[in-house]
Amino acid sequence: MTKAEIVSQVCSETGIESKKVLAVVEALMVSIKDAVANDEEVYLRGFGTFTTKTRKEKIGRLIKENKSVVVPEHKIPFFKPADVFKDLLEK
């Protein structure tokens, strides 16, 4: 499902015009990205939690050059679905 499809579905369910729904969806996405980038957790009850995970430093390989390289410790975005969300997938 794309952002446009989400906007379309919300418009049809709520009757709100698409420009307003698109603005809200984009503002939500920016808010989540900014919070996670600032090491904050975003918890949406019944949906899940957006946060970061730290990947430890490791040795990687450049196969074409046959070299070992050090991949430094870095953070990645992470989403953990709520139990209610996971339960929907089991049905």
PDB file of N, CA and C in Angstrom:
ATOM      1  N   MET A   1       0.854  -1.173   0.000  1.00  0.00           N
ATOM      2  CA  MET A   1       0.000   0.000   0.000  1.00  0.00           C
ATOM      3  C   MET A   1       0.900   1.236   0.000  1.00  0.00           C
ATOM      4  N   THR A   2       0.611   2.164  -0.876  1.00  0.00           N
ATOM      5  CA  THR A   2       1.405   3.387  -0.982  1.00  0.00           C
ATOM      6  C   THR A   2       0.767   4.503  -0.152  1.00  0.00           C
ATOM      7  N   LYS A   3       1.516   5.608  -0.024  1.00  0.00           N
ATOM      8  CA  LYS A   3       0.988   6.756   0.705  1.00  0.00           C
ATOM      9  C   LYS A   3      -0.276   7.278   0.036  1.00  0.00           C
ATOM     10  N   ALA A   4      -0.293   7.305  -1.289  1.00  0.00           N
ATOM     11  CA  ALA A   4      -1.477   7.772  -2.024  1.00  0.00           C
ATOM     12  C   ALA A   4      -2.686   6.883  -1.741  1.00  0.00           C
ATOM     13  N   GLU A   5      -2.460   5.577  -1.653  1.00  0.00           N
ATOM     14  CA  GLU A   5      -3.554   4.656  -1.355  1.00  0.00           C
ATOM     15  C   GLU A   5      -4.056   4.846   0.076  1.00  0.00           C
ATOM     16  N   ILE A   6      -3.156   5.117   0.999  1.00  0.00           N
ATOM     17  CA  ILE A   6      -3.561   5.387   2.385  1.00  0.00           C
ATOM     18  C   ILE A   6      -4.411   6.645   2.433  1.00  0.00           C
ATOM     19  N   VAL A   7      -3.954   7.696   1.756  1.00  0.00           N
ATOM     20  CA  VAL A   7      -4.705   8.958   1.724  1.00  0.00           C
ATOM     21  C   VAL A   7      -6.092   8.727   1.127  1.00  0.00           C
ATOM     22  N   SER A   8      -6.147   7.983   0.044  1.00  0.00           N
ATOM     23  CA  SER A   8      -7.424   7.703  -0.611  1.00  0.00           C
ATOM     24  C   SER A   8      -8.372   6.945   0.312  1.00  0.00           C
ATOM     25  N   GLN A   9      -7.848   5.956   1.011  1.00  0.00           N
ATOM     26  CA  GLN A   9      -8.684   5.165   1.918  1.00  0.00           C
ATOM     27  C   GLN A   9      -9.190   6.002   3.086  1.00  0.00           C
ATOM     28  N   VAL A  10      -8.318   6.837   3.659  1.00  0.00           N
ATOM     29  CA  VAL A  10      -8.736   7.695   4.777  1.00  0.00           C
ATOM     30  C   VAL A  10      -9.788   8.693   4.296  1.00  0.00           C
ATOM     31  N   CYS A  11      -9.614   9.228   3.101  1.00  0.00           N
ATOM     32  CA  CYS A  11     -10.607  10.164   2.540  1.00  0.00           C
ATOM     33  C   CYS A  11     -11.968   9.500   2.408  1.00  0.00           C
ATOM     34  N   SER A  12     -11.978   8.280   1.896  1.00  0.00           N
ATOM     35  CA  SER A  12     -13.254   7.600   1.697  1.00  0.00           C
ATOM     36  C   SER A  12     -13.902   7.213   3.023  1.00  0.00           C
ATOM     37  N   GLU A  13     -13.106   6.920   4.043  1.00  0.00           N
ATOM     38  CA  GLU A  13     -13.666   6.530   5.340  1.00  0.00           C
ATOM     39  C   GLU A  13     -14.121   7.720   6.178  1.00  0.00           C
ATOM     40  N   THR A  14     -13.472   8.877   5.991  1.00  0.00           N
ATOM     41  CA  THR A  14     -13.784  10.021   6.850  1.00  0.00           C
ATOM     42  C   THR A  14     -14.538  11.138   6.148  1.00  0.00           C
ATOM     43  N   GLY A  15     -14.443  11.188   4.812  1.00  0.00           N
ATOM     44  CA  GLY A  15     -15.083  12.275   4.081  1.00  0.00           C
ATOM     45  C   GLY A  15     -14.275  13.560   4.077  1.00  0.00           C
ATOM     46  N   ILE A  16     -13.058  13.520   4.581  1.00  0.00           N
ATOM     47  CA  ILE A  16     -12.188  14.699   4.587  1.00  0.00           C
ATOM     48  C   ILE A  16     -11.494  14.776   3.237  1.00  0.00           C
ATOM     49  N   GLU A  17     -11.290  16.010   2.734  1.00  0.00           N
ATOM     50  CA  GLU A  17     -10.681  16.165   1.411  1.00  0.00           C
ATOM     51  C   GLU A  17      -9.233  15.690   1.400  1.00  0.00           C
ATOM     52  N   SER A  18      -8.791  15.231   0.244  1.00  0.00           N
ATOM     53  CA  SER A  18      -7.503  14.560   0.126  1.00  0.00           C
ATOM     54  C   SER A  18      -6.312  15.462   0.454  1.00  0.00           C
ATOM     55  N   LYS A  19      -6.384  16.767   0.143  1.00  0.00           N
ATOM     56  CA  LYS A  19      -5.270  17.662   0.455  1.00  0.00           C
ATOM     57  C   LYS A  19      -5.022  17.733   1.959  1.00  0.00           C
ATOM     58  N   LYS A  20      -6.094  17.768   2.738  1.00  0.00           N
ATOM     59  CA  LYS A  20      -5.951  17.834   4.196  1.00  0.00           C
ATOM     60  C   LYS A  20      -5.410  16.520   4.754  1.00  0.00           C
ATOM     61  N   VAL A  21      -5.920  15.406   4.243  1.00  0.00           N
ATOM     62  CA  VAL A  21      -5.455  14.095   4.703  1.00  0.00           C
ATOM     63  C   VAL A  21      -3.989  13.909   4.342  1.00  0.00           C
ATOM     64  N   LEU A  22      -3.600  14.296   3.123  1.00  0.00           N
ATOM     65  CA  LEU A  22      -2.207  14.183   2.700  1.00  0.00           C
ATOM     66  C   LEU A  22      -1.301  15.012   3.603  1.00  0.00           C
ATOM     67  N   ALA A  23      -1.723  16.216   3.950  1.00  0.00           N
ATOM     68  CA  ALA A  23      -0.926  17.073   4.831  1.00  0.00           C
ATOM     69  C   ALA A  23      -0.746  16.427   6.201  1.00  0.00           C
ATOM     70  N   VAL A  24      -1.801  15.813   6.724  1.00  0.00           N
ATOM     71  CA  VAL A  24      -1.720  15.158   8.029  1.00  0.00           C
ATOM     72  C   VAL A  24      -0.805  13.930   7.969  1.00  0.00           C
ATOM     73  N   VAL A  25      -0.947  13.127   6.923  1.00  0.00           N
ATOM     74  CA  VAL A  25      -0.114  11.925   6.780  1.00  0.00           C
ATOM     75  C   VAL A  25       1.359  12.312   6.669  1.00  0.00           C
ATOM     76  N   GLU A  26       1.652  13.323   5.856  1.00  0.00           N
ATOM     77  CA  GLU A  26       3.036  13.756   5.700  1.00  0.00           C
ATOM     78  C   GLU A  26       3.585  14.348   6.993  1.00  0.00           C
ATOM     79  N   ALA A  27       2.762  15.120   7.719  1.00  0.00           N
ATOM     80  CA  ALA A  27       3.207  15.681   8.991  1.00  0.00           C
ATOM     81  C   ALA A  27       3.476  14.579  10.011  1.00  0.00           C
ATOM     82  N   LEU A  28       2.648  13.545  10.013  1.00  0.00           N
ATOM     83  CA  LEU A  28       2.866  12.402  10.907  1.00  0.00           C
ATOM     84  C   LEU A  28       4.193  11.716  10.589  1.00  0.00           C
ATOM     85  N   MET A  29       4.447  11.495   9.307  1.00  0.00           N
ATOM     86  CA  MET A  29       5.692  10.840   8.912  1.00  0.00           C
ATOM     87  C   MET A  29       6.917  11.674   9.296  1.00  0.00           C
ATOM     88  N   VAL A  30       6.852  12.979   9.090  1.00  0.00           N
ATOM     89  CA  VAL A  30       7.962  13.863   9.455  1.00  0.00           C
ATOM     90  C   VAL A  30       8.170  13.847  10.966  1.00  0.00           C
ATOM     91  N   SER A  31       7.083  13.882  11.724  1.00  0.00           N
ATOM     92  CA  SER A  31       7.184  13.867  13.187  1.00  0.00           C
ATOM     93  C   SER A  31       7.840  12.580  13.682  1.00  0.00           C
ATOM     94  N   ILE A  32       7.445  11.456  13.109  1.00  0.00           N
ATOM     95  CA  ILE A  32       8.024  10.167  13.507  1.00  0.00           C
ATOM     96  C   ILE A  32       9.505  10.126  13.150  1.00  0.00           C
ATOM     97  N   LYS A  33       9.850  10.537  11.927  1.00  0.00           N
ATOM     98  CA  LYS A  33      11.255  10.522  11.508  1.00  0.00           C
ATOM     99  C   LYS A  33      12.108  11.428  12.379  1.00  0.00           C
ATOM    100  N   ASP A  34      11.614  12.638  12.681  1.00  0.00           N
ATOM    101  CA  ASP A  34      12.377  13.569  13.512  1.00  0.00           C
ATOM    102  C   ASP A  34      12.581  13.022  14.922  1.00  0.00           C
ATOM    103  N   ALA A  35      11.536  12.453  15.491  1.00  0.00           N
ATOM    104  CA  ALA A  35      11.639  11.912  16.843  1.00  0.00           C
ATOM    105  C   ALA A  35      12.631  10.752  16.894  1.00  0.00           C
ATOM    106  N   VAL A  36      12.538   9.833  15.956  1.00  0.00           N
ATOM    107  CA  VAL A  36      13.444   8.678  15.941  1.00  0.00           C
ATOM    108  C   VAL A  36      14.879   9.134  15.679  1.00  0.00           C
ATOM    109  N   ALA A  37      15.062  10.122  14.813  1.00  0.00           N
ATOM    110  CA  ALA A  37      16.403  10.648  14.531  1.00  0.00           C
ATOM    111  C   ALA A  37      17.009  11.297  15.771  1.00  0.00           C
ATOM    112  N   ASN A  38      16.165  11.777  16.684  1.00  0.00           N
ATOM    113  CA  ASN A  38      16.629  12.388  17.931  1.00  0.00           C
ATOM    114  C   ASN A  38      16.622  11.396  19.093  1.00  0.00           C
ATOM    115  N   ASP A  39      16.661  10.102  18.780  1.00  0.00           N
ATOM    116  CA  ASP A  39      16.707   9.023  19.778  1.00  0.00           C
ATOM    117  C   ASP A  39      15.497   8.991  20.701  1.00  0.00           C
ATOM    118  N   GLU A  40      14.349   9.402  20.215  1.00  0.00           N
ATOM    119  CA  GLU A  40      13.115   9.306  20.977  1.00  0.00           C
ATOM    120  C   GLU A  40      12.307   8.122  20.452  1.00  0.00           C
ATOM    121  N   GLU A  41      11.550   7.489  21.341  1.00  0.00           N
ATOM    122  CA  GLU A  41      10.635   6.434  20.917  1.00  0.00           C
ATOM    123  C   GLU A  41       9.295   7.060  20.580  1.00  0.00           C
ATOM    124  N   VAL A  42       8.661   6.538  19.549  1.00  0.00           N
ATOM    125  CA  VAL A  42       7.310   6.968  19.191  1.00  0.00           C
ATOM    126  C   VAL A  42       6.410   5.767  19.416  1.00  0.00           C
ATOM    127  N   TYR A  43       5.521   5.872  20.395  1.00  0.00           N
ATOM    128  CA  TYR A  43       4.646   4.763  20.767  1.00  0.00           C
ATOM    129  C   TYR A  43       3.222   5.096  20.343  1.00  0.00           C
ATOM    130  N   LEU A  44       2.667   4.270  19.465  1.00  0.00           N
ATOM    131  CA  LEU A  44       1.280   4.424  19.029  1.00  0.00           C
ATOM    132  C   LEU A  44       0.504   3.224  19.552  1.00  0.00           C
ATOM    133  N   ARG A  45      -0.295   3.452  20.582  1.00  0.00           N
ATOM    134  CA  ARG A  45      -1.027   2.370  21.249  1.00  0.00           C
ATOM    135  C   ARG A  45      -1.862   1.578  20.247  1.00  0.00           C
ATOM    136  N   GLY A  46      -1.726   0.265  20.286  1.00  0.00           N
ATOM    137  CA  GLY A  46      -2.466  -0.608  19.396  1.00  0.00           C
ATOM    138  C   GLY A  46      -1.829  -0.773  18.023  1.00  0.00           C
ATOM    139  N   PHE A  47      -0.757  -0.022  17.761  1.00  0.00           N
ATOM    140  CA  PHE A  47      -0.078  -0.111  16.464  1.00  0.00           C
ATOM    141  C   PHE A  47       1.351  -0.599  16.645  1.00  0.00           C
ATOM    142  N   GLY A  48       2.160   0.158  17.395  1.00  0.00           N
ATOM    143  CA  GLY A  48       3.534  -0.268  17.621  1.00  0.00           C
ATOM    144  C   GLY A  48       4.426   0.875  18.049  1.00  0.00           C
ATOM    145  N   THR A  49       5.725   0.570  18.122  1.00  0.00           N
ATOM    146  CA  THR A  49       6.713   1.532  18.582  1.00  0.00           C
ATOM    147  C   THR A  49       7.797   1.706  17.527  1.00  0.00           C
ATOM    148  N   PHE A  50       8.093   2.958  17.212  1.00  0.00           N
ATOM    149  CA  PHE A  50       9.199   3.301  16.323  1.00  0.00           C
ATOM    150  C   PHE A  50      10.365   3.722  17.207  1.00  0.00           C
ATOM    151  N   THR A  51      11.533   3.152  16.970  1.00  0.00           N
ATOM    152  CA  THR A  51      12.699   3.465  17.773  1.00  0.00           C
ATOM    153  C   THR A  51      13.957   3.188  16.954  1.00  0.00           C
ATOM    154  N   THR A  52      15.116   3.220  17.594  1.00  0.00           N
ATOM    155  CA  THR A  52      16.358   2.883  16.908  1.00  0.00           C
ATOM    156  C   THR A  52      17.008   1.694  17.589  1.00  0.00           C
ATOM    157  N   LYS A  53      17.811   0.985  16.822  1.00  0.00           N
ATOM    158  CA  LYS A  53      18.661  -0.074  17.345  1.00  0.00           C
ATOM    159  C   LYS A  53      20.090   0.263  16.968  1.00  0.00           C
ATOM    160  N   THR A  54      21.012  -0.133  17.815  1.00  0.00           N
ATOM    161  CA  THR A  54      22.423   0.098  17.535  1.00  0.00           C
ATOM    162  C   THR A  54      23.049  -1.192  17.037  1.00  0.00           C
ATOM    163  N   ARG A  55      23.636  -1.123  15.879  1.00  0.00           N
ATOM    164  CA  ARG A  55      24.367  -2.258  15.328  1.00  0.00           C
ATOM    165  C   ARG A  55      25.824  -2.113  15.745  1.00  0.00           C
ATOM    166  N   LYS A  56      26.398  -3.165  16.302  1.00  0.00           N
ATOM    167  CA  LYS A  56      27.782  -3.126  16.755  1.00  0.00           C
ATOM    168  C   LYS A  56      28.736  -3.093  15.567  1.00  0.00           C
ATOM    169  N   GLU A  57      29.955  -2.642  15.855  1.00  0.00           N
ATOM    170  CA  GLU A  57      31.001  -2.652  14.843  1.00  0.00           C
ATOM    171  C   GLU A  57      31.274  -4.092  14.415  1.00  0.00           C
ATOM    172  N   LYS A  58      31.526  -4.282  13.122  1.00  0.00           N
ATOM    173  CA  LYS A  58      31.802  -5.633  12.639  1.00  0.00           C
ATOM    174  C   LYS A  58      32.751  -5.572  11.445  1.00  0.00           C
ATOM    175  N   ILE A  59      33.250  -6.724  11.086  1.00  0.00           N
ATOM    176  CA  ILE A  59      34.120  -6.842   9.931  1.00  0.00           C
ATOM    177  C   ILE A  59      33.265  -7.272   8.735  1.00  0.00           C
ATOM    178  N   GLY A  60      33.337  -6.507   7.663  1.00  0.00           N
ATOM    179  CA  GLY A  60      32.619  -6.834   6.444  1.00  0.00           C
ATOM    180  C   GLY A  60      33.609  -7.194   5.346  1.00  0.00           C
ATOM    181  N   ARG A  61      33.089  -7.599   4.202  1.00  0.00           N
ATOM    182  CA  ARG A  61      33.953  -8.003   3.092  1.00  0.00           C
ATOM    183  C   ARG A  61      33.591  -7.224   1.834  1.00  0.00           C
ATOM    184  N   LEU A  62      34.630  -6.781   1.112  1.00  0.00           N
ATOM    185  CA  LEU A  62      34.467  -6.258  -0.235  1.00  0.00           C
ATOM    186  C   LEU A  62      34.863  -7.399  -1.156  1.00  0.00           C
ATOM    187  N   ILE A  63      33.887  -8.115  -1.650  1.00  0.00           N
ATOM    188  CA  ILE A  63      34.145  -9.342  -2.401  1.00  0.00           C
ATOM    189  C   ILE A  63      34.933  -9.066  -3.678  1.00  0.00           C
ATOM    190  N   LYS A  64      34.588  -8.009  -4.413  1.00  0.00           N
ATOM    191  CA  LYS A  64      35.279  -7.704  -5.668  1.00  0.00           C
ATOM    192  C   LYS A  64      36.756  -7.397  -5.450  1.00  0.00           C
ATOM    193  N   GLU A  65      37.068  -6.753  -4.325  1.00  0.00           N
ATOM    194  CA  GLU A  65      38.459  -6.384  -4.044  1.00  0.00           C
ATOM    195  C   GLU A  65      39.141  -7.387  -3.120  1.00  0.00           C
ATOM    196  N   ASN A  66      38.397  -8.377  -2.637  1.00  0.00           N
ATOM    197  CA  ASN A  66      38.918  -9.383  -1.718  1.00  0.00           C
ATOM    198  C   ASN A  66      39.580  -8.739  -0.494  1.00  0.00           C
ATOM    199  N   LYS A  67      38.870  -7.788   0.110  1.00  0.00           N
ATOM    200  CA  LYS A  67      39.372  -7.059   1.280  1.00  0.00           C
ATOM    201  C   LYS A  67      38.389  -7.178   2.433  1.00  0.00           C
ATOM    202  N   SER A  68      38.927  -7.054   3.635  1.00  0.00           N
ATOM    203  CA  SER A  68      38.098  -6.932   4.827  1.00  0.00           C
ATOM    204  C   SER A  68      38.008  -5.457   5.179  1.00  0.00           C
ATOM    205  N   VAL A  69      36.834  -5.012   5.569  1.00  0.00           N
ATOM    206  CA  VAL A  69      36.651  -3.626   5.991  1.00  0.00           C
ATOM    207  C   VAL A  69      35.916  -3.608   7.320  1.00  0.00           C
ATOM    208  N   VAL A  70      36.144  -2.561   8.068  1.00  0.00           N
ATOM    209  CA  VAL A  70      35.451  -2.396   9.341  1.00  0.00           C
ATOM    210  C   VAL A  70      34.189  -1.588   9.097  1.00  0.00           C
ATOM    211  N   VAL A  71      33.055  -2.166   9.470  1.00  0.00           N
ATOM    212  CA  VAL A  71      31.784  -1.449   9.411  1.00  0.00           C
ATOM    213  C   VAL A  71      31.579  -0.875  10.804  1.00  0.00           C
ATOM    214  N   PRO A  72      31.597   0.457  10.944  1.00  0.00           N
ATOM    215  CA  PRO A  72      31.517   1.041  12.284  1.00  0.00           C
ATOM    216  C   PRO A  72      30.141   0.835  12.929  1.00  0.00           C
ATOM    217  N   GLU A  73      30.119   1.004  14.244  1.00  0.00           N
ATOM    218  CA  GLU A  73      28.847   0.945  14.979  1.00  0.00           C
ATOM    219  C   GLU A  73      27.930   2.025  14.414  1.00  0.00           C
ATOM    220  N   HIS A  74      26.658   1.683  14.219  1.00  0.00           N
ATOM    221  CA  HIS A  74      25.707   2.648  13.674  1.00  0.00           C
ATOM    222  C   HIS A  74      24.301   2.323  14.150  1.00  0.00           C
ATOM    223  N   LYS A  75      23.440   3.310  14.023  1.00  0.00           N
ATOM    224  CA  LYS A  75      22.049   3.147  14.427  1.00  0.00           C
ATOM    225  C   LYS A  75      21.185   2.921  13.196  1.00  0.00           C
ATOM    226  N   ILE A  76      20.127   2.116  13.398  1.00  0.00           N
ATOM    227  CA  ILE A  76      19.159   1.871  12.331  1.00  0.00           C
ATOM    228  C   ILE A  76      17.758   2.096  12.890  1.00  0.00           C
ATOM    229  N   PRO A  77      16.811   2.534  12.054  1.00  0.00           N
ATOM    230  CA  PRO A  77      15.426   2.642  12.524  1.00  0.00           C
ATOM    231  C   PRO A  77      14.844   1.256  12.738  1.00  0.00           C
ATOM    232  N   PHE A  78      13.938   1.144  13.711  1.00  0.00           N
ATOM    233  CA  PHE A  78      13.354  -0.145  14.058  1.00  0.00           C
ATOM    234  C   PHE A  78      11.896   0.051  14.436  1.00  0.00           C
ATOM    235  N   PHE A  79      11.034  -0.868  13.973  1.00  0.00           N
ATOM    236  CA  PHE A  79       9.616  -0.835  14.325  1.00  0.00           C
ATOM    237  C   PHE A  79       9.247  -2.129  15.019  1.00  0.00           C
ATOM    238  N   LYS A  80       8.630  -2.012  16.184  1.00  0.00           N
ATOM    239  CA  LYS A  80       8.148  -3.188  16.913  1.00  0.00           C
ATOM    240  C   LYS A  80       6.621  -3.104  16.959  1.00  0.00           C
ATOM    241  N   PRO A  81       5.924  -4.025  16.299  1.00  0.00           N
ATOM    242  CA  PRO A  81       4.466  -3.971  16.307  1.00  0.00           C
ATOM    243  C   PRO A  81       3.884  -4.304  17.678  1.00  0.00           C
ATOM    244  N   ALA A  82       2.748  -3.704  17.978  1.00  0.00           N
ATOM    245  CA  ALA A  82       2.036  -3.985  19.232  1.00  0.00           C
ATOM    246  C   ALA A  82       1.448  -5.390  19.175  1.00  0.00           C
ATOM    247  N   ASP A  83       1.186  -5.966  20.342  1.00  0.00           N
ATOM    248  CA  ASP A  83       0.623  -7.319  20.408  1.00  0.00           C
ATOM    249  C   ASP A  83      -0.704  -7.411  19.662  1.00  0.00           C
ATOM    250  N   VAL A  84      -1.533  -6.365  19.748  1.00  0.00           N
ATOM    251  CA  VAL A  84      -2.821  -6.353  19.046  1.00  0.00           C
ATOM    252  C   VAL A  84      -2.593  -6.446  17.536  1.00  0.00           C
ATOM    253  N   PHE A  85      -1.584  -5.760  17.055  1.00  0.00           N
ATOM    254  CA  PHE A  85      -1.230  -5.785  15.639  1.00  0.00           C
ATOM    255  C   PHE A  85      -0.747  -7.182  15.250  1.00  0.00           C
ATOM    256  N   LYS A  86       0.131  -7.776  16.049  1.00  0.00           N
ATOM    257  CA  LYS A  86       0.646  -9.109  15.760  1.00  0.00           C
ATOM    258  C   LYS A  86      -0.469 -10.153  15.773  1.00  0.00           C
ATOM    259  N   ASP A  87      -1.422  -9.992  16.676  1.00  0.00           N
ATOM    260  CA  ASP A  87      -2.542 -10.929  16.756  1.00  0.00           C
ATOM    261  C   ASP A  87      -3.374 -10.932  15.483  1.00  0.00           C
ATOM    262  N   LEU A  88      -3.484  -9.799  14.809  1.00  0.00           N
ATOM    263  CA  LEU A  88      -4.230  -9.719  13.548  1.00  0.00           C
ATOM    264  C   LEU A  88      -3.604 -10.594  12.467  1.00  0.00           C
ATOM    265  N   LEU A  89      -2.290 -10.738  12.525  1.00  0.00           N
ATOM    266  CA  LEU A  89      -1.580 -11.518  11.509  1.00  0.00           C
ATOM    267  C   LEU A  89      -1.720 -13.008  11.736  1.00  0.00           C
ATOM    268  N   GLU A  90      -2.058 -13.408  12.951  1.00  0.00           N
ATOM    269  CA  GLU A  90      -2.185 -14.825  13.277  1.00  0.00           C
ATOM    270  C   GLU A  90      -3.522 -15.394  12.868  1.00  0.00           C
ATOM    271  N   LYS A  91      -4.487 -14.545  12.574  1.00  0.00           N
ATOM    272  CA  LYS A  91      -5.841 -15.021  12.236  1.00  0.00           C
ATOM    273  C   LYS A  91      -5.945 -15.383  10.782  1.00  0.00           C
TER     274      LYS A  91
END
